[in-house]
Amino acid sequence: GTCDALPVYAPDGAEQRLATAYADMPSATAMSEVFDFRTLKPGS
């Protein structure tokens, strides 16, 4: 079964970088279906 989207705290552009590295995504949204990308900013 499918996984819930896992929070991933990363610099801006992480989804695009990883999708580019993977190169052959099943769909345009596949990466964000399993990873909930949250852009890091300085702070607590």
All heavy atoms as atom14 arrays in JSON, in Angstrom:
{
  "sequence": "GTCDALPVYAPDGAEQRLATAYADMPSATAMSEVFDFRTLKPGS",
  "atom14_mask": [
    [1, 1, 1, 1, 0, 0, 0, 0, 0, 0, 0, 0, 0, 0],
    [1, 1, 1, 1, 1, 1, 1, 0, 0, 0, 0, 0, 0, 0],
    [1, 1, 1, 1, 1, 1, 0, 0, 0, 0, 0, 0, 0, 0],
    [1, 1, 1, 1, 1, 1, 1, 1, 0, 0, 0, 0, 0, 0],
    [1, 1, 1, 1, 1, 0, 0, 0, 0, 0, 0, 0, 0, 0],
    [1, 1, 1, 1, 1, 1, 1, 1, 0, 0, 0, 0, 0, 0],
    [1, 1, 1, 1, 1, 1, 1, 0, 0, 0, 0, 0, 0, 0],
    [1, 1, 1, 1, 1, 1, 1, 0, 0, 0, 0, 0, 0, 0],
    [1, 1, 1, 1, 1, 1, 1, 1, 1, 1, 1, 1, 0, 0],
    [1, 1, 1, 1, 1, 0, 0, 0, 0, 0, 0, 0, 0, 0],
    [1, 1, 1, 1, 1, 1, 1, 0, 0, 0, 0, 0, 0, 0],
    [1, 1, 1, 1, 1, 1, 1, 1, 0, 0, 0, 0, 0, 0],
    [1, 1, 1, 1, 0, 0, 0, 0, 0, 0, 0, 0, 0, 0],
    [1, 1, 1, 1, 1, 0, 0, 0, 0, 0, 0, 0, 0, 0],
    [1, 1, 1, 1, 1, 1, 1, 1, 1, 0, 0, 0, 0, 0],
    [1, 1, 1, 1, 1, 1, 1, 1, 1, 0, 0, 0, 0, 0],
    [1, 1, 1, 1, 1, 1, 1, 1, 1, 1, 1, 0, 0, 0],
    [1, 1, 1, 1, 1, 1, 1, 1, 0, 0, 0, 0, 0, 0],
    [1, 1, 1, 1, 1, 0, 0, 0, 0, 0, 0, 0, 0, 0],
    [1, 1, 1, 1, 1, 1, 1, 0, 0, 0, 0, 0, 0, 0],
    [1, 1, 1, 1, 1, 0, 0, 0, 0, 0, 0, 0, 0, 0],
    [1, 1, 1, 1, 1, 1, 1, 1, 1, 1, 1, 1, 0, 0],
    [1, 1, 1, 1, 1, 0, 0, 0, 0, 0, 0, 0, 0, 0],
    [1, 1, 1, 1, 1, 1, 1, 1, 0, 0, 0, 0, 0, 0],
    [1, 1, 1, 1, 1, 1, 1, 1, 0, 0, 0, 0, 0, 0],
    [1, 1, 1, 1, 1, 1, 1, 0, 0, 0, 0, 0, 0, 0],
    [1, 1, 1, 1, 1, 1, 0, 0, 0, 0, 0, 0, 0, 0],
    [1, 1, 1, 1, 1, 0, 0, 0, 0, 0, 0, 0, 0, 0],
    [1, 1, 1, 1, 1, 1, 1, 0, 0, 0, 0, 0, 0, 0],
    [1, 1, 1, 1, 1, 0, 0, 0, 0, 0, 0, 0, 0, 0],
    [1, 1, 1, 1, 1, 1, 1, 1, 0, 0, 0, 0, 0, 0],
    [1, 1, 1, 1, 1, 1, 0, 0, 0, 0, 0, 0, 0, 0],
    [1, 1, 1, 1, 1, 1, 1, 1, 1, 0, 0, 0, 0, 0],
    [1, 1, 1, 1, 1, 1, 1, 0, 0, 0, 0, 0, 0, 0],
    [1, 1, 1, 1, 1, 1, 1, 1, 1, 1, 1, 0, 0, 0],
    [1, 1, 1, 1, 1, 1, 1, 1, 0, 0, 0, 0, 0, 0],
    [1, 1, 1, 1, 1, 1, 1, 1, 1, 1, 1, 0, 0, 0],
    [1, 1, 1, 1, 1, 1, 1, 1, 1, 1, 1, 0, 0, 0],
    [1, 1, 1, 1, 1, 1, 1, 0, 0, 0, 0, 0, 0, 0],
    [1, 1, 1, 1, 1, 1, 1, 1, 0, 0, 0, 0, 0, 0],
    [1, 1, 1, 1, 1, 1, 1, 1, 1, 0, 0, 0, 0, 0],
    [1, 1, 1, 1, 1, 1, 1, 0, 0, 0, 0, 0, 0, 0],
    [1, 1, 1, 1, 0, 0, 0, 0, 0, 0, 0, 0, 0, 0],
    [1, 1, 1, 1, 1, 1, 0, 0, 0, 0, 0, 0, 0, 0]
  ],
  "atom14_positions": [
    [[0.82, -1.21, 0.0], [0.0, 0.0, 0.0], [0.85, 1.25, 0.0], [2.04, 1.22, 0.29], [0.0, 0.0, 0.0], [0.0, 0.0, 0.0], [0.0, 0.0, 0.0], [0.0, 0.0, 0.0], [0.0, 0.0, 0.0], [0.0, 0.0, 0.0], [0.0, 0.0, 0.0], [0.0, 0.0, 0.0], [0.0, 0.0, 0.0], [0.0, 0.0, 0.0]],
    [[0.23, 2.35, -0.33], [0.96, 3.61, -0.44], [1.32, 4.17, 0.94], [0.68, 3.86, 1.93], [0.12, 4.66, -1.19], [-1.12, 4.84, -0.49], [-0.15, 4.21, -2.61], [0.0, 0.0, 0.0], [0.0, 0.0, 0.0], [0.0, 0.0, 0.0], [0.0, 0.0, 0.0], [0.0, 0.0, 0.0], [0.0, 0.0, 0.0], [0.0, 0.0, 0.0]],
    [[2.36, 4.99, 0.96], [2.8, 5.65, 2.2], [2.22, 7.05, 2.28], [2.02, 7.72, 1.26], [4.33, 5.77, 2.22], [5.2, 4.21, 2.33], [0.0, 0.0, 0.0], [0.0, 0.0, 0.0], [0.0, 0.0, 0.0], [0.0, 0.0, 0.0], [0.0, 0.0, 0.0], [0.0, 0.0, 0.0], [0.0, 0.0, 0.0], [0.0, 0.0, 0.0]],
    [[1.98, 7.49, 3.49], [1.66, 8.9, 3.67], [2.87, 9.75, 3.31], [4.02, 9.28, 3.38], [1.26, 9.17, 5.12], [-0.06, 8.51, 5.5], [-0.88, 8.26, 4.61], [-0.23, 8.21, 6.7], [0.0, 0.0, 0.0], [0.0, 0.0, 0.0], [0.0, 0.0, 0.0], [0.0, 0.0, 0.0], [0.0, 0.0, 0.0], [0.0, 0.0, 0.0]],
    [[2.64, 10.99, 2.93], [3.74, 11.88, 2.58], [4.57, 12.19, 3.83], [4.04, 12.65, 4.84], [3.21, 13.16, 1.96], [0.0, 0.0, 0.0], [0.0, 0.0, 0.0], [0.0, 0.0, 0.0], [0.0, 0.0, 0.0], [0.0, 0.0, 0.0], [0.0, 0.0, 0.0], [0.0, 0.0, 0.0], [0.0, 0.0, 0.0], [0.0, 0.0, 0.0]],
    [[5.85, 11.92, 3.77], [6.76, 12.09, 4.89], [7.33, 13.5, 4.88], [7.86, 13.95, 3.85], [7.91, 11.07, 4.78], [8.95, 11.08, 5.89], [8.36, 10.54, 7.18], [10.15, 10.22, 5.47], [0.0, 0.0, 0.0], [0.0, 0.0, 0.0], [0.0, 0.0, 0.0], [0.0, 0.0, 0.0], [0.0, 0.0, 0.0], [0.0, 0.0, 0.0]],
    [[7.25, 14.24, 6.0], [7.83, 15.58, 6.02], [9.34, 15.56, 5.74], [10.08, 14.79, 6.36], [7.54, 16.06, 7.45], [6.37, 15.25, 7.9], [6.56, 13.91, 7.25], [0.0, 0.0, 0.0], [0.0, 0.0, 0.0], [0.0, 0.0, 0.0], [0.0, 0.0, 0.0], [0.0, 0.0, 0.0], [0.0, 0.0, 0.0], [0.0, 0.0, 0.0]],
    [[9.76, 16.37, 4.79], [11.17, 16.51, 4.44], [11.52, 18.0, 4.5], [11.02, 18.8, 3.71], [11.47, 15.96, 3.03], [12.94, 16.2, 2.66], [11.13, 14.47, 2.95], [0.0, 0.0, 0.0], [0.0, 0.0, 0.0], [0.0, 0.0, 0.0], [0.0, 0.0, 0.0], [0.0, 0.0, 0.0], [0.0, 0.0, 0.0], [0.0, 0.0, 0.0]],
    [[12.35, 18.36, 5.46], [12.79, 19.74, 5.64], [14.09, 19.91, 4.87], [15.09, 19.26, 5.17], [12.97, 20.05, 7.12], [11.68, 19.97, 7.91], [11.19, 18.74, 8.36], [10.95, 21.12, 8.17], [9.99, 18.66, 9.05], [9.75, 21.05, 8.88], [9.28, 19.82, 9.31], [8.08, 19.75, 10.0], [0.0, 0.0, 0.0], [0.0, 0.0, 0.0]],
    [[14.07, 20.78, 3.85], [15.2, 20.86, 2.94], [15.29, 22.25, 2.34], [14.31, 23.01, 2.34], [15.04, 19.81, 1.83], [0.0, 0.0, 0.0], [0.0, 0.0, 0.0], [0.0, 0.0, 0.0], [0.0, 0.0, 0.0], [0.0, 0.0, 0.0], [0.0, 0.0, 0.0], [0.0, 0.0, 0.0], [0.0, 0.0, 0.0], [0.0, 0.0, 0.0]],
    [[16.45, 22.6, 1.79], [16.56, 23.88, 1.09], [15.59, 23.96, -0.09], [15.13, 22.93, -0.61], [18.02, 23.9, 0.62], [18.73, 22.99, 1.55], [17.74, 21.91, 1.88], [0.0, 0.0, 0.0], [0.0, 0.0, 0.0], [0.0, 0.0, 0.0], [0.0, 0.0, 0.0], [0.0, 0.0, 0.0], [0.0, 0.0, 0.0], [0.0, 0.0, 0.0]],
    [[15.32, 25.15, -0.51], [14.42, 25.39, -1.64], [14.93, 24.63, -2.87], [16.12, 24.59, -3.15], [14.36, 26.89, -1.93], [13.31, 27.23, -2.96], [12.24, 26.59, -2.96], [13.56, 28.15, -3.77], [0.0, 0.0, 0.0], [0.0, 0.0, 0.0], [0.0, 0.0, 0.0], [0.0, 0.0, 0.0], [0.0, 0.0, 0.0], [0.0, 0.0, 0.0]],
    [[14.0, 24.02, -3.6], [14.35, 23.31, -4.82], [14.63, 21.84, -4.64], [15.02, 21.16, -5.61], [0.0, 0.0, 0.0], [0.0, 0.0, 0.0], [0.0, 0.0, 0.0], [0.0, 0.0, 0.0], [0.0, 0.0, 0.0], [0.0, 0.0, 0.0], [0.0, 0.0, 0.0], [0.0, 0.0, 0.0], [0.0, 0.0, 0.0], [0.0, 0.0, 0.0]],
    [[14.41, 21.31, -3.45], [14.74, 19.9, -3.19], [13.91, 18.96, -4.06], [14.45, 17.99, -4.62], [14.53, 19.58, -1.71], [0.0, 0.0, 0.0], [0.0, 0.0, 0.0], [0.0, 0.0, 0.0], [0.0, 0.0, 0.0], [0.0, 0.0, 0.0], [0.0, 0.0, 0.0], [0.0, 0.0, 0.0], [0.0, 0.0, 0.0], [0.0, 0.0, 0.0]],
    [[12.63, 19.21, -4.18], [11.79, 18.31, -4.98], [12.28, 18.27, -6.44], [12.42, 17.18, -7.02], [10.33, 18.76, -4.93], [9.41, 17.86, -5.75], [7.95, 18.26, -5.69], [7.62, 19.24, -4.99], [7.13, 17.6, -6.35], [0.0, 0.0, 0.0], [0.0, 0.0, 0.0], [0.0, 0.0, 0.0], [0.0, 0.0, 0.0], [0.0, 0.0, 0.0]],
    [[12.55, 19.43, -7.01], [13.02, 19.47, -8.39], [14.37, 18.78, -8.54], [14.6, 18.03, -9.5], [13.12, 20.91, -8.86], [13.6, 21.05, -10.31], [13.72, 22.49, -10.74], [13.54, 23.41, -9.95], [14.03, 22.7, -12.01], [0.0, 0.0, 0.0], [0.0, 0.0, 0.0], [0.0, 0.0, 0.0], [0.0, 0.0, 0.0], [0.0, 0.0, 0.0]],
    [[15.27, 19.0, -7.59], [16.59, 18.38, -7.67], [16.48, 16.86, -7.64], [17.12, 16.16, -8.44], [17.46, 18.87, -6.51], [18.83, 18.22, -6.41], [19.73, 18.57, -7.6], [19.99, 19.99, -7.62], [20.99, 20.58, -6.96], [21.81, 19.86, -6.23], [21.16, 21.88, -7.05], [0.0, 0.0, 0.0], [0.0, 0.0, 0.0], [0.0, 0.0, 0.0]],
    [[15.68, 16.33, -6.73], [15.57, 14.88, -6.61], [14.82, 14.27, -7.79], [15.18, 13.19, -8.27], [14.88, 14.52, -5.29], [15.69, 14.87, -4.04], [14.85, 14.65, -2.79], [16.97, 14.05, -3.96], [0.0, 0.0, 0.0], [0.0, 0.0, 0.0], [0.0, 0.0, 0.0], [0.0, 0.0, 0.0], [0.0, 0.0, 0.0], [0.0, 0.0, 0.0]],
    [[13.79, 14.96, -8.27], [13.07, 14.47, -9.44], [13.97, 14.46, -10.67], [13.92, 13.54, -11.49], [11.84, 15.34, -9.69], [0.0, 0.0, 0.0], [0.0, 0.0, 0.0], [0.0, 0.0, 0.0], [0.0, 0.0, 0.0], [0.0, 0.0, 0.0], [0.0, 0.0, 0.0], [0.0, 0.0, 0.0], [0.0, 0.0, 0.0], [0.0, 0.0, 0.0]],
    [[14.83, 15.47, -10.79], [15.78, 15.51, -11.9], [16.78, 14.38, -11.8], [17.13, 13.72, -12.8], [16.52, 16.86, -11.93], [15.55, 17.91, -12.08], [17.52, 16.93, -13.05], [0.0, 0.0, 0.0], [0.0, 0.0, 0.0], [0.0, 0.0, 0.0], [0.0, 0.0, 0.0], [0.0, 0.0, 0.0], [0.0, 0.0, 0.0], [0.0, 0.0, 0.0]],
    [[17.26, 14.11, -10.59], [18.21, 13.01, -10.4], [17.57, 11.67, -10.71], [18.21, 10.8, -11.32], [18.74, 13.03, -8.96], [0.0, 0.0, 0.0], [0.0, 0.0, 0.0], [0.0, 0.0, 0.0], [0.0, 0.0, 0.0], [0.0, 0.0, 0.0], [0.0, 0.0, 0.0], [0.0, 0.0, 0.0], [0.0, 0.0, 0.0], [0.0, 0.0, 0.0]],
    [[16.31, 11.5, -10.32], [15.61, 10.25, -10.62], [15.38, 10.11, -12.12], [15.47, 9.02, -12.67], [14.29, 10.22, -9.85], [13.61, 8.87, -9.91], [13.93, 7.89, -8.98], [12.66, 8.58, -10.89], [13.31, 6.64, -9.02], [12.05, 7.34, -10.94], [12.37, 6.37, -10.01], [11.77, 5.14, -10.07], [0.0, 0.0, 0.0], [0.0, 0.0, 0.0]],
    [[15.02, 11.21, -12.75], [14.98, 11.37, -14.22], [13.74, 10.81, -14.91], [13.35, 11.32, -15.95], [16.24, 10.77, -14.86], [0.0, 0.0, 0.0], [0.0, 0.0, 0.0], [0.0, 0.0, 0.0], [0.0, 0.0, 0.0], [0.0, 0.0, 0.0], [0.0, 0.0, 0.0], [0.0, 0.0, 0.0], [0.0, 0.0, 0.0], [0.0, 0.0, 0.0]],
    [[13.12, 9.79, -14.4], [11.99, 9.17, -15.1], [10.84, 8.98, -14.13], [10.45, 7.86, -13.8], [12.43, 7.83, -15.71], [11.36, 7.23, -16.61], [10.49, 7.99, -17.08], [11.39, 6.01, -16.84], [0.0, 0.0, 0.0], [0.0, 0.0, 0.0], [0.0, 0.0, 0.0], [0.0, 0.0, 0.0], [0.0, 0.0, 0.0], [0.0, 0.0, 0.0]],
    [[10.28, 10.1, -13.68], [9.21, 10.05, -12.69], [7.94, 9.44, -13.27], [7.6, 9.68, -14.43], [8.9, 11.46, -12.17], [10.08, 12.16, -11.51], [10.67, 11.27, -10.07], [9.22, 11.32, -9.03], [0.0, 0.0, 0.0], [0.0, 0.0, 0.0], [0.0, 0.0, 0.0], [0.0, 0.0, 0.0], [0.0, 0.0, 0.0], [0.0, 0.0, 0.0]],
    [[7.23, 8.64, -12.46], [5.96, 8.08, -12.94], [4.94, 9.15, -13.3], [4.09, 8.95, -14.17], [5.48, 7.24, -11.75], [6.7, 6.98, -10.95], [7.58, 8.16, -11.12], [0.0, 0.0, 0.0], [0.0, 0.0, 0.0], [0.0, 0.0, 0.0], [0.0, 0.0, 0.0], [0.0, 0.0, 0.0], [0.0, 0.0, 0.0], [0.0, 0.0, 0.0]],
    [[5.01, 10.29, -12.6], [4.13, 11.42, -12.89], [4.8, 12.69, -12.38], [5.77, 12.63, -11.62], [2.77, 11.24, -12.23], [2.87, 11.41, -10.83], [0.0, 0.0, 0.0], [0.0, 0.0, 0.0], [0.0, 0.0, 0.0], [0.0, 0.0, 0.0], [0.0, 0.0, 0.0], [0.0, 0.0, 0.0], [0.0, 0.0, 0.0], [0.0, 0.0, 0.0]],
    [[4.27, 13.82, -12.76], [4.86, 15.09, -12.36], [4.76, 15.32, -10.86], [5.54, 16.08, -10.28], [4.19, 16.24, -13.11], [0.0, 0.0, 0.0], [0.0, 0.0, 0.0], [0.0, 0.0, 0.0], [0.0, 0.0, 0.0], [0.0, 0.0, 0.0], [0.0, 0.0, 0.0], [0.0, 0.0, 0.0], [0.0, 0.0, 0.0], [0.0, 0.0, 0.0]],
    [[3.8, 14.66, -10.22], [3.58, 14.88, -8.78], [4.05, 13.71, -7.92], [3.88, 13.74, -6.71], [2.08, 15.11, -8.51], [1.33, 13.93, -8.9], [1.57, 16.32, -9.28], [0.0, 0.0, 0.0], [0.0, 0.0, 0.0], [0.0, 0.0, 0.0], [0.0, 0.0, 0.0], [0.0, 0.0, 0.0], [0.0, 0.0, 0.0], [0.0, 0.0, 0.0]],
    [[4.65, 12.7, -8.52], [4.96, 11.46, -7.78], [5.87, 11.71, -6.59], [5.66, 11.15, -5.51], [5.58, 10.44, -8.72], [0.0, 0.0, 0.0], [0.0, 0.0, 0.0], [0.0, 0.0, 0.0], [0.0, 0.0, 0.0], [0.0, 0.0, 0.0], [0.0, 0.0, 0.0], [0.0, 0.0, 0.0], [0.0, 0.0, 0.0], [0.0, 0.0, 0.0]],
    [[6.89, 12.55, -6.76], [7.83, 12.8, -5.66], [7.12, 13.41, -4.46], [7.35, 13.03, -3.31], [8.96, 13.69, -6.14], [10.12, 13.85, -5.17], [11.12, 12.37, -4.88], [12.02, 12.23, -6.44], [0.0, 0.0, 0.0], [0.0, 0.0, 0.0], [0.0, 0.0, 0.0], [0.0, 0.0, 0.0], [0.0, 0.0, 0.0], [0.0, 0.0, 0.0]],
    [[6.23, 14.36, -4.74], [5.53, 15.04, -3.64], [4.39, 14.19, -3.07], [3.83, 14.54, -2.03], [4.99, 16.4, -4.11], [4.1, 16.24, -5.19], [0.0, 0.0, 0.0], [0.0, 0.0, 0.0], [0.0, 0.0, 0.0], [0.0, 0.0, 0.0], [0.0, 0.0, 0.0], [0.0, 0.0, 0.0], [0.0, 0.0, 0.0], [0.0, 0.0, 0.0]],
    [[4.06, 13.1, -3.72], [3.04, 12.22, -3.17], [3.58, 11.42, -1.98], [2.81, 11.0, -1.11], [2.53, 11.26, -4.25], [1.67, 11.95, -5.3], [1.27, 11.01, -6.43], [1.19, 9.78, -6.17], [1.06, 11.49, -7.55], [0.0, 0.0, 0.0], [0.0, 0.0, 0.0], [0.0, 0.0, 0.0], [0.0, 0.0, 0.0], [0.0, 0.0, 0.0]],
    [[4.89, 11.2, -1.93], [5.45, 10.44, -0.81], [6.32, 11.29, 0.1], [6.63, 10.88, 1.22], [6.25, 9.21, -1.31], [5.33, 8.23, -2.01], [7.4, 9.61, -2.21], [0.0, 0.0, 0.0], [0.0, 0.0, 0.0], [0.0, 0.0, 0.0], [0.0, 0.0, 0.0], [0.0, 0.0, 0.0], [0.0, 0.0, 0.0], [0.0, 0.0, 0.0]],
    [[6.73, 12.48, -0.37], [7.51, 13.4, 0.45], [6.81, 14.75, 0.52], [6.47, 15.34, -0.5], [8.92, 13.61, -0.13], [9.76, 12.36, -0.18], [10.45, 12.03, -1.34], [9.88, 11.53, 0.92], [11.23, 10.89, -1.4], [10.65, 10.37, 0.87], [11.33, 10.05, -0.29], [0.0, 0.0, 0.0], [0.0, 0.0, 0.0], [0.0, 0.0, 0.0]],
    [[6.59, 15.21, 1.74], [6.0, 16.52, 1.97], [7.14, 17.51, 2.16], [7.65, 17.69, 3.27], [5.11, 16.46, 3.21], [4.51, 17.8, 3.58], [4.62, 18.76, 2.79], [3.94, 17.9, 4.69], [0.0, 0.0, 0.0], [0.0, 0.0, 0.0], [0.0, 0.0, 0.0], [0.0, 0.0, 0.0], [0.0, 0.0, 0.0], [0.0, 0.0, 0.0]],
    [[7.58, 18.14, 1.08], [8.73, 19.03, 1.12], [8.38, 20.34, 1.82], [7.41, 21.01, 1.46], [9.25, 19.31, -0.29], [9.89, 18.12, -0.93], [9.16, 17.32, -1.82], [11.2, 17.78, -0.65], [9.75, 16.22, -2.41], [11.8, 16.67, -1.24], [11.06, 15.89, -2.13], [0.0, 0.0, 0.0], [0.0, 0.0, 0.0], [0.0, 0.0, 0.0]],
    [[9.21, 20.7, 2.81], [9.01, 21.93, 3.57], [10.31, 22.72, 3.52], [11.35, 22.24, 3.96], [8.62, 21.6, 5.02], [7.38, 20.7, 5.08], [6.95, 20.35, 6.49], [5.81, 19.45, 6.47], [5.13, 19.08, 7.56], [5.5, 19.55, 8.76], [4.11, 18.26, 7.46], [0.0, 0.0, 0.0], [0.0, 0.0, 0.0], [0.0, 0.0, 0.0]],
    [[10.25, 23.91, 2.94], [11.44, 24.69, 2.67], [12.05, 25.22, 3.96], [11.37, 25.88, 4.75], [11.13, 25.86, 1.73], [10.61, 25.32, 0.5], [12.38, 26.68, 1.42], [0.0, 0.0, 0.0], [0.0, 0.0, 0.0], [0.0, 0.0, 0.0], [0.0, 0.0, 0.0], [0.0, 0.0, 0.0], [0.0, 0.0, 0.0], [0.0, 0.0, 0.0]],
    [[13.32, 24.92, 4.17], [14.02, 25.4, 5.35], [14.27, 26.89, 5.28], [14.62, 27.44, 4.24], [15.37, 24.69, 5.5], [15.37, 23.28, 6.07], [16.73, 22.63, 5.89], [14.98, 23.29, 7.54], [0.0, 0.0, 0.0], [0.0, 0.0, 0.0], [0.0, 0.0, 0.0], [0.0, 0.0, 0.0], [0.0, 0.0, 0.0], [0.0, 0.0, 0.0]],
    [[14.08, 27.54, 6.41], [14.44, 28.94, 6.61], [15.17, 29.03, 7.95], [14.93, 28.23, 8.84], [13.2, 29.84, 6.62], [12.36, 29.79, 5.35], [13.09, 30.42, 4.18], [12.2, 30.43, 2.93], [12.93, 30.95, 1.75], [0.0, 0.0, 0.0], [0.0, 0.0, 0.0], [0.0, 0.0, 0.0], [0.0, 0.0, 0.0], [0.0, 0.0, 0.0]],
    [[16.05, 29.99, 8.12], [16.69, 30.15, 9.42], [15.64, 30.39, 10.51], [14.69, 31.14, 10.32], [17.58, 31.38, 9.23], [17.85, 31.42, 7.77], [16.58, 30.95, 7.12], [0.0, 0.0, 0.0], [0.0, 0.0, 0.0], [0.0, 0.0, 0.0], [0.0, 0.0, 0.0], [0.0, 0.0, 0.0], [0.0, 0.0, 0.0], [0.0, 0.0, 0.0]],
    [[15.82, 29.72, 11.64], [14.9, 29.91, 12.75], [14.59, 28.62, 13.47], [15.16, 27.56, 13.17], [0.0, 0.0, 0.0], [0.0, 0.0, 0.0], [0.0, 0.0, 0.0], [0.0, 0.0, 0.0], [0.0, 0.0, 0.0], [0.0, 0.0, 0.0], [0.0, 0.0, 0.0], [0.0, 0.0, 0.0], [0.0, 0.0, 0.0], [0.0, 0.0, 0.0]],
    [[13.69, 28.7, 14.44], [13.35, 27.57, 15.31], [11.92, 27.11, 15.08], [11.05, 27.91, 14.72], [13.53, 27.96, 16.78], [14.87, 28.33, 17.05], [0.0, 0.0, 0.0], [0.0, 0.0, 0.0], [0.0, 0.0, 0.0], [0.0, 0.0, 0.0], [0.0, 0.0, 0.0], [0.0, 0.0, 0.0], [0.0, 0.0, 0.0], [0.0, 0.0, 0.0]]
  ]
}
